[in-house]
Amino acid sequence: MKKERIFEEELADTNVEISSGSVYADLGFKNHKEMETKSNLVMEISKAIKKRKLTQTQAAELFGITQPKLSELLNGHFRGYSVERLIHFLNEIGQDVDIVVKSKPRNRKARVSVYHSIGGSHTSIPMVAAKSR
């Protein structure tokens, strides 16, 4: 009974905040949508490295960067990389990147989305919206 009371007291002191749906927005990044796009591209880079069974040293050599820089990138330190450069890394590791431009619905802002293709088919899973203007 004593443990239950301690837990209830700790719970009473806990503040809960509802997320905006974006960890980068919640952390206060002004360019949070671009950060989400970069994060999704880095996840795809990581998946491609694993799929090809490359070491970080081998992948870094393909990308023209050092292994420590690749390690930092894969651990979320991508603020110094442009979206274009991350797309280039995906191309270097044998991944196609398709960019589709289309009209947006009137009821929302324009956005950029990164999708992961399933098994090379045209069925795609959206990963998160990105930079809107």
C-alpha atoms as a PDB file:
ATOM      1  CA  MET A   1       0.000   0.000   0.000  1.00  0.00           C
ATOM      2  CA  LYS A   2       2.887   2.355   0.794  1.00  0.00           C
ATOM      3  CA  LYS A   3       4.385   1.996  -2.717  1.00  0.00           C
ATOM      4  CA  GLU A   4       1.015   2.784  -4.298  1.00  0.00           C
ATOM      5  CA  ARG A   5       0.694   5.983  -2.249  1.00  0.00           C
ATOM      6  CA  ILE A   6       4.222   7.116  -3.247  1.00  0.00           C
ATOM      7  CA  PHE A   7       3.400   6.521  -6.920  1.00  0.00           C
ATOM      8  CA  GLU A   8       0.180   8.541  -6.605  1.00  0.00           C
ATOM      9  CA  GLU A   9       2.079  11.417  -4.963  1.00  0.00           C
ATOM     10  CA  GLU A  10       4.682  11.402  -7.756  1.00  0.00           C
ATOM     11  CA  LEU A  11       1.946  11.264 -10.374  1.00  0.00           C
ATOM     12  CA  ALA A  12       0.226  14.274  -8.801  1.00  0.00           C
ATOM     13  CA  ASP A  13       3.462  16.283  -9.275  1.00  0.00           C
ATOM     14  CA  THR A  14       3.713  15.325 -12.965  1.00  0.00           C
ATOM     15  CA  ASN A  15       2.860  17.940 -15.587  1.00  0.00           C
ATOM     16  CA  VAL A  16       1.505  16.656 -18.873  1.00  0.00           C
ATOM     17  CA  GLU A  17       1.693  18.616 -22.097  1.00  0.00           C
ATOM     18  CA  ILE A  18      -0.053  17.560 -25.287  1.00  0.00           C
ATOM     19  CA  SER A  19       2.338  17.229 -28.209  1.00  0.00           C
ATOM     20  CA  SER A  20       1.888  19.187 -31.399  1.00  0.00           C
ATOM     21  CA  GLY A  21       2.747  15.995 -33.278  1.00  0.00           C
ATOM     22  CA  SER A  22       6.271  17.207 -34.027  1.00  0.00           C
ATOM     23  CA  VAL A  23       9.091  16.673 -31.570  1.00  0.00           C
ATOM     24  CA  TYR A  24      11.045  19.459 -33.295  1.00  0.00           C
ATOM     25  CA  ALA A  25       8.142  21.917 -32.975  1.00  0.00           C
ATOM     26  CA  ASP A  26       7.712  20.923 -29.332  1.00  0.00           C
ATOM     27  CA  LEU A  27      11.414  21.632 -28.760  1.00  0.00           C
ATOM     28  CA  GLY A  28      10.981  25.085 -30.291  1.00  0.00           C
ATOM     29  CA  PHE A  29      12.802  24.715 -33.617  1.00  0.00           C
ATOM     30  CA  LYS A  30      11.650  27.416 -36.048  1.00  0.00           C
ATOM     31  CA  ASN A  31      12.411  25.138 -39.013  1.00  0.00           C
ATOM     32  CA  HIS A  32      10.776  22.081 -37.436  1.00  0.00           C
ATOM     33  CA  LYS A  33       9.219  20.830 -40.671  1.00  0.00           C
ATOM     34  CA  GLU A  34      12.574  20.845 -42.447  1.00  0.00           C
ATOM     35  CA  MET A  35      14.086  19.004 -39.461  1.00  0.00           C
ATOM     36  CA  GLU A  36      11.375  16.326 -39.800  1.00  0.00           C
ATOM     37  CA  THR A  37      12.179  15.915 -43.491  1.00  0.00           C
ATOM     38  CA  LYS A  38      15.889  15.553 -42.748  1.00  0.00           C
ATOM     39  CA  SER A  39      15.145  13.080 -39.972  1.00  0.00           C
ATOM     40  CA  ASN A  40      13.084  10.929 -42.326  1.00  0.00           C
ATOM     41  CA  LEU A  41      15.794  11.037 -45.011  1.00  0.00           C
ATOM     42  CA  VAL A  42      18.424  10.008 -42.452  1.00  0.00           C
ATOM     43  CA  MET A  43      16.216   7.080 -41.390  1.00  0.00           C
ATOM     44  CA  GLU A  44      16.080   5.996 -45.032  1.00  0.00           C
ATOM     45  CA  ILE A  45      19.874   6.321 -45.311  1.00  0.00           C
ATOM     46  CA  SER A  46      20.263   4.136 -42.223  1.00  0.00           C
ATOM     47  CA  LYS A  47      17.870   1.507 -43.615  1.00  0.00           C
ATOM     48  CA  ALA A  48      19.742   1.456 -46.935  1.00  0.00           C
ATOM     49  CA  ILE A  49      23.110   1.010 -45.192  1.00  0.00           C
ATOM     50  CA  LYS A  50      21.724  -1.935 -43.203  1.00  0.00           C
ATOM     51  CA  LYS A  51      20.020  -3.433 -46.259  1.00  0.00           C
ATOM     52  CA  ARG A  52      23.297  -3.382 -48.193  1.00  0.00           C
ATOM     53  CA  LYS A  53      25.154  -4.703 -45.118  1.00  0.00           C
ATOM     54  CA  LEU A  54      27.723  -1.917 -45.308  1.00  0.00           C
ATOM     55  CA  THR A  55      29.915  -0.775 -42.460  1.00  0.00           C
ATOM     56  CA  GLN A  56      29.775   2.885 -41.533  1.00  0.00           C
ATOM     57  CA  THR A  57      33.285   3.245 -42.962  1.00  0.00           C
ATOM     58  CA  GLN A  58      32.201   1.797 -46.320  1.00  0.00           C
ATOM     59  CA  ALA A  59      29.063   3.961 -46.451  1.00  0.00           C
ATOM     60  CA  ALA A  60      30.980   7.085 -45.424  1.00  0.00           C
ATOM     61  CA  GLU A  61      33.430   6.474 -48.247  1.00  0.00           C
ATOM     62  CA  LEU A  62      30.505   6.280 -50.713  1.00  0.00           C
ATOM     63  CA  PHE A  63      29.182   9.587 -49.367  1.00  0.00           C
ATOM     64  CA  GLY A  64      32.550  11.330 -49.342  1.00  0.00           C
ATOM     65  CA  ILE A  65      32.522  11.982 -45.593  1.00  0.00           C
ATOM     66  CA  THR A  66      34.370  10.494 -42.634  1.00  0.00           C
ATOM     67  CA  GLN A  67      33.008   7.607 -40.563  1.00  0.00           C
ATOM     68  CA  PRO A  68      32.718   9.828 -37.441  1.00  0.00           C
ATOM     69  CA  LYS A  69      30.643  12.345 -39.429  1.00  0.00           C
ATOM     70  CA  LEU A  70      28.387   9.536 -40.693  1.00  0.00           C
ATOM     71  CA  SER A  71      28.008   8.222 -37.154  1.00  0.00           C
ATOM     72  CA  GLU A  72      26.950  11.690 -35.971  1.00  0.00           C
ATOM     73  CA  LEU A  73      24.508  11.967 -38.880  1.00  0.00           C
ATOM     74  CA  LEU A  74      22.931   8.582 -38.111  1.00  0.00           C
ATOM     75  CA  ASN A  75      22.609   9.634 -34.458  1.00  0.00           C
ATOM     76  CA  GLY A  76      20.502  12.651 -35.359  1.00  0.00           C
ATOM     77  CA  HIS A  77      23.110  15.381 -35.782  1.00  0.00           C
ATOM     78  CA  PHE A  78      22.026  16.512 -39.265  1.00  0.00           C
ATOM     79  CA  ARG A  79      21.635  20.269 -38.872  1.00  0.00           C
ATOM     80  CA  GLY A  80      24.708  20.892 -41.065  1.00  0.00           C
ATOM     81  CA  TYR A  81      23.315  18.857 -43.965  1.00  0.00           C
ATOM     82  CA  SER A  82      20.903  20.131 -46.602  1.00  0.00           C
ATOM     83  CA  VAL A  83      17.937  18.087 -47.789  1.00  0.00           C
ATOM     84  CA  GLU A  84      19.626  17.989 -51.203  1.00  0.00           C
ATOM     85  CA  ARG A  85      22.808  16.503 -49.767  1.00  0.00           C
ATOM     86  CA  LEU A  86      20.866  13.806 -47.911  1.00  0.00           C
ATOM     87  CA  ILE A  87      19.057  12.956 -51.148  1.00  0.00           C
ATOM     88  CA  HIS A  88      22.469  12.724 -52.834  1.00  0.00           C
ATOM     89  CA  PHE A  89      23.587  10.253 -50.127  1.00  0.00           C
ATOM     90  CA  LEU A  90      20.518   8.123 -50.851  1.00  0.00           C
ATOM     91  CA  ASN A  91      21.386   8.117 -54.550  1.00  0.00           C
ATOM     92  CA  GLU A  92      24.995   7.180 -53.771  1.00  0.00           C
ATOM     93  CA  ILE A  93      23.809   4.159 -51.796  1.00  0.00           C
ATOM     94  CA  GLY A  94      21.575   3.003 -54.643  1.00  0.00           C
ATOM     95  CA  GLN A  95      18.218   4.482 -53.690  1.00  0.00           C
ATOM     96  CA  ASP A  96      15.922   6.270 -56.133  1.00  0.00           C
ATOM     97  CA  VAL A  97      14.349   9.445 -54.807  1.00  0.00           C
ATOM     98  CA  ASP A  98      11.230  10.610 -56.629  1.00  0.00           C
ATOM     99  CA  ILE A  99       9.986  14.171 -56.242  1.00  0.00           C
ATOM    100  CA  VAL A 100       6.340  14.685 -57.177  1.00  0.00           C
ATOM    101  CA  VAL A 101       4.867  18.174 -57.522  1.00  0.00           C
ATOM    102  CA  LYS A 102       1.083  18.483 -57.300  1.00  0.00           C
ATOM    103  CA  SER A 103      -1.587  21.001 -56.367  1.00  0.00           C
ATOM    104  CA  LYS A 104      -2.503  21.162 -52.711  1.00  0.00           C
ATOM    105  CA  PRO A 105      -6.038  21.153 -51.350  1.00  0.00           C
ATOM    106  CA  ARG A 106      -7.379  24.618 -50.485  1.00  0.00           C
ATOM    107  CA  ASN A 107      -7.887  23.688 -46.839  1.00  0.00           C
ATOM    108  CA  ARG A 108      -4.192  23.325 -45.875  1.00  0.00           C
ATOM    109  CA  LYS A 109      -0.752  24.807 -46.407  1.00  0.00           C
ATOM    110  CA  ALA A 110       1.616  23.351 -48.991  1.00  0.00           C
ATOM    111  CA  ARG A 111       4.001  20.696 -47.656  1.00  0.00           C
ATOM    112  CA  VAL A 112       6.812  18.328 -48.533  1.00  0.00           C
ATOM    113  CA  SER A 113       6.381  14.656 -47.610  1.00  0.00           C
ATOM    114  CA  VAL A 114       8.925  11.849 -47.496  1.00  0.00           C
ATOM    115  CA  TYR A 115       7.553   8.404 -48.364  1.00  0.00           C
ATOM    116  CA  HIS A 116       9.064   4.963 -47.976  1.00  0.00           C
ATOM    117  CA  SER A 117       8.347   2.675 -50.904  1.00  0.00           C
ATOM    118  CA  ILE A 118       7.315  -0.877 -50.007  1.00  0.00           C
ATOM    119  CA  GLY A 119       9.215  -3.580 -51.879  1.00  0.00           C
ATOM    120  CA  GLY A 120       9.795  -1.435 -54.956  1.00  0.00           C
ATOM    121  CA  SER A 121       6.057  -1.166 -55.616  1.00  0.00           C
ATOM    122  CA  HIS A 122       4.172   2.068 -56.099  1.00  0.00           C
ATOM    123  CA  THR A 123       2.482   1.679 -52.718  1.00  0.00           C
ATOM    124  CA  SER A 124       4.092   4.145 -50.334  1.00  0.00           C
ATOM    125  CA  ILE A 125       3.881   4.907 -46.640  1.00  0.00           C
ATOM    126  CA  PRO A 126       3.985   8.614 -45.737  1.00  0.00           C
ATOM    127  CA  MET A 127       6.637   9.344 -43.136  1.00  0.00           C
ATOM    128  CA  VAL A 128       5.784  12.923 -42.025  1.00  0.00           C
ATOM    129  CA  ALA A 129       5.047  16.198 -43.674  1.00  0.00           C
ATOM    130  CA  ALA A 130       7.837  18.686 -44.030  1.00  0.00           C
ATOM    131  CA  LYS A 131       8.628  22.275 -44.907  1.00  0.00           C
ATOM    132  CA  SER A 132       5.546  24.361 -45.702  1.00  0.00           C
ATOM    133  CA  ARG A 133       5.525  27.858 -47.123  1.00  0.00           C
END
